[in-house]
Amino acid sequence: MKLTITDSAAALYIREIPLHPGDTLRLYVRVGGVGSGGFSVGVMKERPQPTSYLVEKEDVTFFVNEDDFWYLDGMVIDYEEDSGYLDFSHPTYKEIHHPE
């Protein structure tokens, strides 16, 4: 399992939610994303499980539970300040909202 959360994406989550040092944020597969009718990445303040994949940024733990590895493994989450949007990309999926 590998998930990349860029510094700019982590800073956006930390600022907007808001998150504080020691907080944990779960990233998971969300079905029926806005306008896509497919998949997207949801977030929820929650505690990781012993088998969760962890990414530490600015003393905040972002994590993915095993049930969601299939979608998030290999994903890159970035924040484009110019457009004001989070960018989700995955080298395996041509269409991130409808992976094949």
Protein backbone atom coordinates (compact mmCIF):
# COMPACT_ATOMS: atom_id res chain seq x y z
CA MET A 1 0.00 0.00 0.00
CA LYS A 2 1.28 3.42 -0.93
CA LEU A 3 -0.62 6.70 -0.69
CA THR A 4 0.95 10.09 -1.38
CA ILE A 5 -0.52 13.17 0.25
CA THR A 6 1.40 16.25 -0.78
CA ASP A 7 2.31 18.90 1.75
CA SER A 8 -0.15 21.33 0.14
CA ALA A 9 -3.02 18.78 0.32
CA ALA A 10 -2.23 17.98 3.96
CA ALA A 11 -2.12 21.69 4.80
CA LEU A 12 -5.55 22.18 3.19
CA TYR A 13 -7.13 19.34 5.20
CA ILE A 14 -5.48 20.63 8.40
CA ARG A 15 -6.66 24.18 7.80
CA GLU A 16 -10.19 23.48 6.56
CA ILE A 17 -11.37 20.67 8.86
CA PRO A 18 -9.52 21.90 11.17
CA LEU A 19 -7.04 19.32 12.44
CA HIS A 20 -4.59 19.70 15.30
CA PRO A 21 -1.34 17.91 16.25
CA GLY A 22 -2.20 14.36 17.32
CA ASP A 23 -5.46 14.21 15.32
CA THR A 24 -6.17 11.34 12.95
CA LEU A 25 -8.13 11.48 9.70
CA ARG A 26 -9.44 8.45 7.84
CA LEU A 27 -9.52 8.49 4.04
CA TYR A 28 -11.97 6.00 2.58
CA VAL A 29 -13.80 5.01 -0.59
CA ARG A 30 -16.99 7.00 -0.94
CA VAL A 31 -19.59 5.77 -3.41
CA GLY A 32 -21.59 8.32 -5.40
CA GLY A 33 -19.27 11.30 -5.46
CA VAL A 34 -20.69 14.67 -6.46
CA GLY A 35 -21.56 14.70 -10.14
CA SER A 36 -19.75 11.45 -10.88
CA GLY A 37 -22.11 8.74 -9.74
CA GLY A 38 -18.92 6.77 -9.11
CA PHE A 39 -16.22 6.69 -6.46
CA SER A 40 -14.47 9.48 -4.59
CA VAL A 41 -12.38 9.88 -1.44
CA GLY A 42 -14.25 10.60 1.77
CA VAL A 43 -12.70 11.80 5.01
CA MET A 44 -13.72 11.22 8.62
CA LYS A 45 -12.13 11.99 11.96
CA GLU A 46 -11.59 8.54 13.40
CA ARG A 47 -8.89 6.38 15.02
CA PRO A 48 -6.79 3.98 12.90
CA GLN A 49 -6.91 0.22 13.29
CA PRO A 50 -3.74 -1.79 13.95
CA THR A 51 -3.67 -2.79 10.24
CA SER A 52 -4.29 0.72 8.85
CA TYR A 53 -1.83 2.33 6.45
CA LEU A 54 -0.54 5.58 8.01
CA VAL A 55 0.80 8.79 6.51
CA GLU A 56 2.15 11.43 8.92
CA LYS A 57 2.03 15.10 7.93
CA GLU A 58 2.51 18.06 10.28
CA ASP A 59 1.89 15.86 13.37
CA VAL A 60 -1.45 14.68 11.94
CA THR A 61 -2.00 11.05 10.96
CA PHE A 62 -3.86 10.39 7.72
CA PHE A 63 -4.82 6.74 7.35
CA VAL A 64 -6.55 4.13 5.19
CA ASN A 65 -8.16 0.94 6.49
CA GLU A 66 -7.58 -2.37 4.70
CA ASP A 67 -11.06 -2.42 3.12
CA ASP A 68 -10.15 0.69 1.14
CA PHE A 69 -6.64 -0.28 0.00
CA TRP A 70 -7.97 -1.46 -3.39
CA TYR A 71 -8.89 2.11 -4.41
CA LEU A 72 -6.39 4.28 -2.56
CA ASP A 73 -3.25 2.17 -3.11
CA GLY A 74 -1.04 4.19 -5.49
CA MET A 75 -3.18 7.35 -5.31
CA VAL A 76 -1.67 10.83 -5.15
CA ILE A 77 -3.66 13.58 -3.43
CA ASP A 78 -2.48 17.09 -4.24
CA TYR A 79 -3.90 20.57 -3.78
CA GLU A 80 -3.66 23.01 -6.65
CA GLU A 81 -3.71 26.46 -5.06
CA ASP A 82 -4.25 28.22 -8.40
CA SER A 83 -7.51 26.38 -9.06
CA GLY A 84 -8.47 25.88 -5.40
CA TYR A 85 -9.18 22.16 -5.95
CA LEU A 86 -7.87 18.93 -4.55
CA ASP A 87 -6.48 16.74 -7.31
CA PHE A 88 -6.79 12.96 -7.00
CA SER A 89 -4.73 10.92 -9.44
CA HIS A 90 -3.92 7.25 -9.76
CA PRO A 91 -1.47 5.75 -12.28
CA THR A 92 -3.58 2.59 -12.70
CA TYR A 93 -6.96 4.22 -13.32
CA LYS A 94 -7.69 6.11 -16.51
CA GLU A 95 -10.86 7.49 -14.89
CA ILE A 96 -10.53 7.92 -11.11
CA HIS A 97 -14.32 8.08 -10.53
CA HIS A 98 -14.94 4.83 -12.43
CA PRO A 99 -11.86 2.61 -11.96
CA GLU A 100 -11.54 -0.44 -14.17
